Amino acid sequence: MSTPVSSSLDAALRALFQRVFKIAPKDLSDRTRRGSLEAWDSLGHLELLEALRKEFGVEIAPEQALEMETFADVRRVVASLRPGC
């Protein structure tokens, strides 16, 4: 079952990715993968998880963190943890 995602959540996540990974908007798409951005390595993934916790107040379980391979995956996980987003 897919969780619908609001455009405001999508925009906030895009801004967070740009800030955490220091990338331009053009460098981010739904298919952007872990490892495809220089900064999105294992340490970058931990930094992303911490930024998501601070910005959205979500606690991401280890199993969910492992599922987060693309920007679209991250958006899906965050949306599932924030009902109404």
C-alpha atoms as a PDB file:
ATOM      1  CA  MET A   1       0.000   0.000   0.000  1.00  0.00           C
ATOM      2  CA  SER A   2       1.403   3.351  -1.043  1.00  0.00           C
ATOM      3  CA  THR A   3       1.287   6.374   1.234  1.00  0.00           C
ATOM      4  CA  PRO A   4       0.239   9.600  -0.527  1.00  0.00           C
ATOM      5  CA  VAL A   5       2.791  12.369  -0.125  1.00  0.00           C
ATOM      6  CA  SER A   6       2.003  16.062   0.117  1.00  0.00           C
ATOM      7  CA  SER A   7       3.845  18.507  -2.087  1.00  0.00           C
ATOM      8  CA  SER A   8       4.973  20.396   1.025  1.00  0.00           C
ATOM      9  CA  LEU A   9       6.641  17.242   2.411  1.00  0.00           C
ATOM     10  CA  ASP A  10       8.304  16.621  -0.947  1.00  0.00           C
ATOM     11  CA  ALA A  11       9.586  20.212  -1.076  1.00  0.00           C
ATOM     12  CA  ALA A  12      10.856  20.057   2.511  1.00  0.00           C
ATOM     13  CA  LEU A  13      12.673  16.770   1.842  1.00  0.00           C
ATOM     14  CA  ARG A  14      14.237  18.162  -1.326  1.00  0.00           C
ATOM     15  CA  ALA A  15      15.501  21.193   0.613  1.00  0.00           C
ATOM     16  CA  LEU A  16      16.862  18.916   3.336  1.00  0.00           C
ATOM     17  CA  PHE A  17      18.707  16.733   0.782  1.00  0.00           C
ATOM     18  CA  GLN A  18      20.176  19.836  -0.853  1.00  0.00           C
ATOM     19  CA  ARG A  19      21.368  21.118   2.512  1.00  0.00           C
ATOM     20  CA  VAL A  20      22.706  17.800   3.903  1.00  0.00           C
ATOM     21  CA  PHE A  21      24.432  16.683   0.715  1.00  0.00           C
ATOM     22  CA  LYS A  22      25.312  20.172  -0.589  1.00  0.00           C
ATOM     23  CA  ILE A  23      23.774  19.601  -4.006  1.00  0.00           C
ATOM     24  CA  ALA A  24      21.896  21.727  -6.523  1.00  0.00           C
ATOM     25  CA  PRO A  25      18.187  21.083  -7.151  1.00  0.00           C
ATOM     26  CA  LYS A  26      19.012  19.745 -10.623  1.00  0.00           C
ATOM     27  CA  ASP A  27      21.097  16.971  -9.031  1.00  0.00           C
ATOM     28  CA  LEU A  28      18.116  15.455  -7.209  1.00  0.00           C
ATOM     29  CA  SER A  29      15.360  13.250  -8.621  1.00  0.00           C
ATOM     30  CA  ASP A  30      13.164  10.473  -7.273  1.00  0.00           C
ATOM     31  CA  ARG A  31      15.735   8.008  -8.610  1.00  0.00           C
ATOM     32  CA  THR A  32      18.758   9.606  -6.940  1.00  0.00           C
ATOM     33  CA  ARG A  33      20.409   6.667  -5.152  1.00  0.00           C
ATOM     34  CA  ARG A  34      22.611   6.255  -2.143  1.00  0.00           C
ATOM     35  CA  GLY A  35      26.122   6.268  -3.583  1.00  0.00           C
ATOM     36  CA  SER A  36      25.152   8.309  -6.657  1.00  0.00           C
ATOM     37  CA  LEU A  37      25.905  11.512  -4.757  1.00  0.00           C
ATOM     38  CA  GLU A  38      29.451  11.863  -3.477  1.00  0.00           C
ATOM     39  CA  ALA A  39      28.248  12.802   0.012  1.00  0.00           C
ATOM     40  CA  TRP A  40      25.563  10.080   0.246  1.00  0.00           C
ATOM     41  CA  ASP A  41      27.855   7.385   1.564  1.00  0.00           C
ATOM     42  CA  SER A  42      27.468   5.486   4.858  1.00  0.00           C
ATOM     43  CA  LEU A  43      28.395   8.534   6.947  1.00  0.00           C
ATOM     44  CA  GLY A  44      26.170  10.745   4.813  1.00  0.00           C
ATOM     45  CA  HIS A  45      23.296   8.320   5.383  1.00  0.00           C
ATOM     46  CA  LEU A  46      23.727   8.689   9.152  1.00  0.00           C
ATOM     47  CA  GLU A  47      23.772  12.473   8.758  1.00  0.00           C
ATOM     48  CA  LEU A  48      20.581  12.231   6.699  1.00  0.00           C
ATOM     49  CA  LEU A  49      18.870  10.125   9.393  1.00  0.00           C
ATOM     50  CA  GLU A  50      19.815  12.687  12.053  1.00  0.00           C
ATOM     51  CA  ALA A  51      18.605  15.583   9.889  1.00  0.00           C
ATOM     52  CA  LEU A  52      15.293  13.771   9.300  1.00  0.00           C
ATOM     53  CA  ARG A  53      14.906  13.225  13.046  1.00  0.00           C
ATOM     54  CA  LYS A  54      15.564  16.885  13.824  1.00  0.00           C
ATOM     55  CA  GLU A  55      13.527  18.380  10.988  1.00  0.00           C
ATOM     56  CA  PHE A  56      10.535  16.039  10.954  1.00  0.00           C
ATOM     57  CA  GLY A  57      10.604  14.528  14.442  1.00  0.00           C
ATOM     58  CA  VAL A  58      10.703  10.972  13.097  1.00  0.00           C
ATOM     59  CA  GLU A  59      12.596   8.037  14.561  1.00  0.00           C
ATOM     60  CA  ILE A  60      13.622   5.749  11.738  1.00  0.00           C
ATOM     61  CA  ALA A  61      14.089   2.095  12.659  1.00  0.00           C
ATOM     62  CA  PRO A  62      17.226   0.334  11.402  1.00  0.00           C
ATOM     63  CA  GLU A  63      15.131  -1.793   9.020  1.00  0.00           C
ATOM     64  CA  GLN A  64      13.589   1.348   7.531  1.00  0.00           C
ATOM     65  CA  ALA A  65      16.995   3.018   7.221  1.00  0.00           C
ATOM     66  CA  LEU A  66      18.211   0.048   5.182  1.00  0.00           C
ATOM     67  CA  GLU A  67      15.186   0.384   2.854  1.00  0.00           C
ATOM     68  CA  MET A  68      16.117   3.986   2.059  1.00  0.00           C
ATOM     69  CA  GLU A  69      18.116   3.505  -1.152  1.00  0.00           C
ATOM     70  CA  THR A  70      16.626   6.350  -3.229  1.00  0.00           C
ATOM     71  CA  PHE A  71      15.153   9.785  -2.615  1.00  0.00           C
ATOM     72  CA  ALA A  72      11.717   8.269  -3.346  1.00  0.00           C
ATOM     73  CA  ASP A  73      12.342   5.609  -0.673  1.00  0.00           C
ATOM     74  CA  VAL A  74      13.237   8.280   1.879  1.00  0.00           C
ATOM     75  CA  ARG A  75      10.084  10.234   1.036  1.00  0.00           C
ATOM     76  CA  ARG A  76       7.944   7.075   1.371  1.00  0.00           C
ATOM     77  CA  VAL A  77       9.422   6.175   4.770  1.00  0.00           C
ATOM     78  CA  VAL A  78       9.055   9.696   6.166  1.00  0.00           C
ATOM     79  CA  ALA A  79       5.473   9.946   4.859  1.00  0.00           C
ATOM     80  CA  SER A  80       4.604   6.630   6.524  1.00  0.00           C
ATOM     81  CA  LEU A  81       5.898   7.963   9.851  1.00  0.00           C
ATOM     82  CA  ARG A  82       4.034  11.275   9.561  1.00  0.00           C
ATOM     83  CA  PRO A  83       0.333  10.596   9.027  1.00  0.00           C
ATOM     84  CA  GLY A  84      -1.344  13.373   7.108  1.00  0.00           C
ATOM     85  CA  CYS A  85       1.769  14.334   5.121  1.00  0.00           C
END
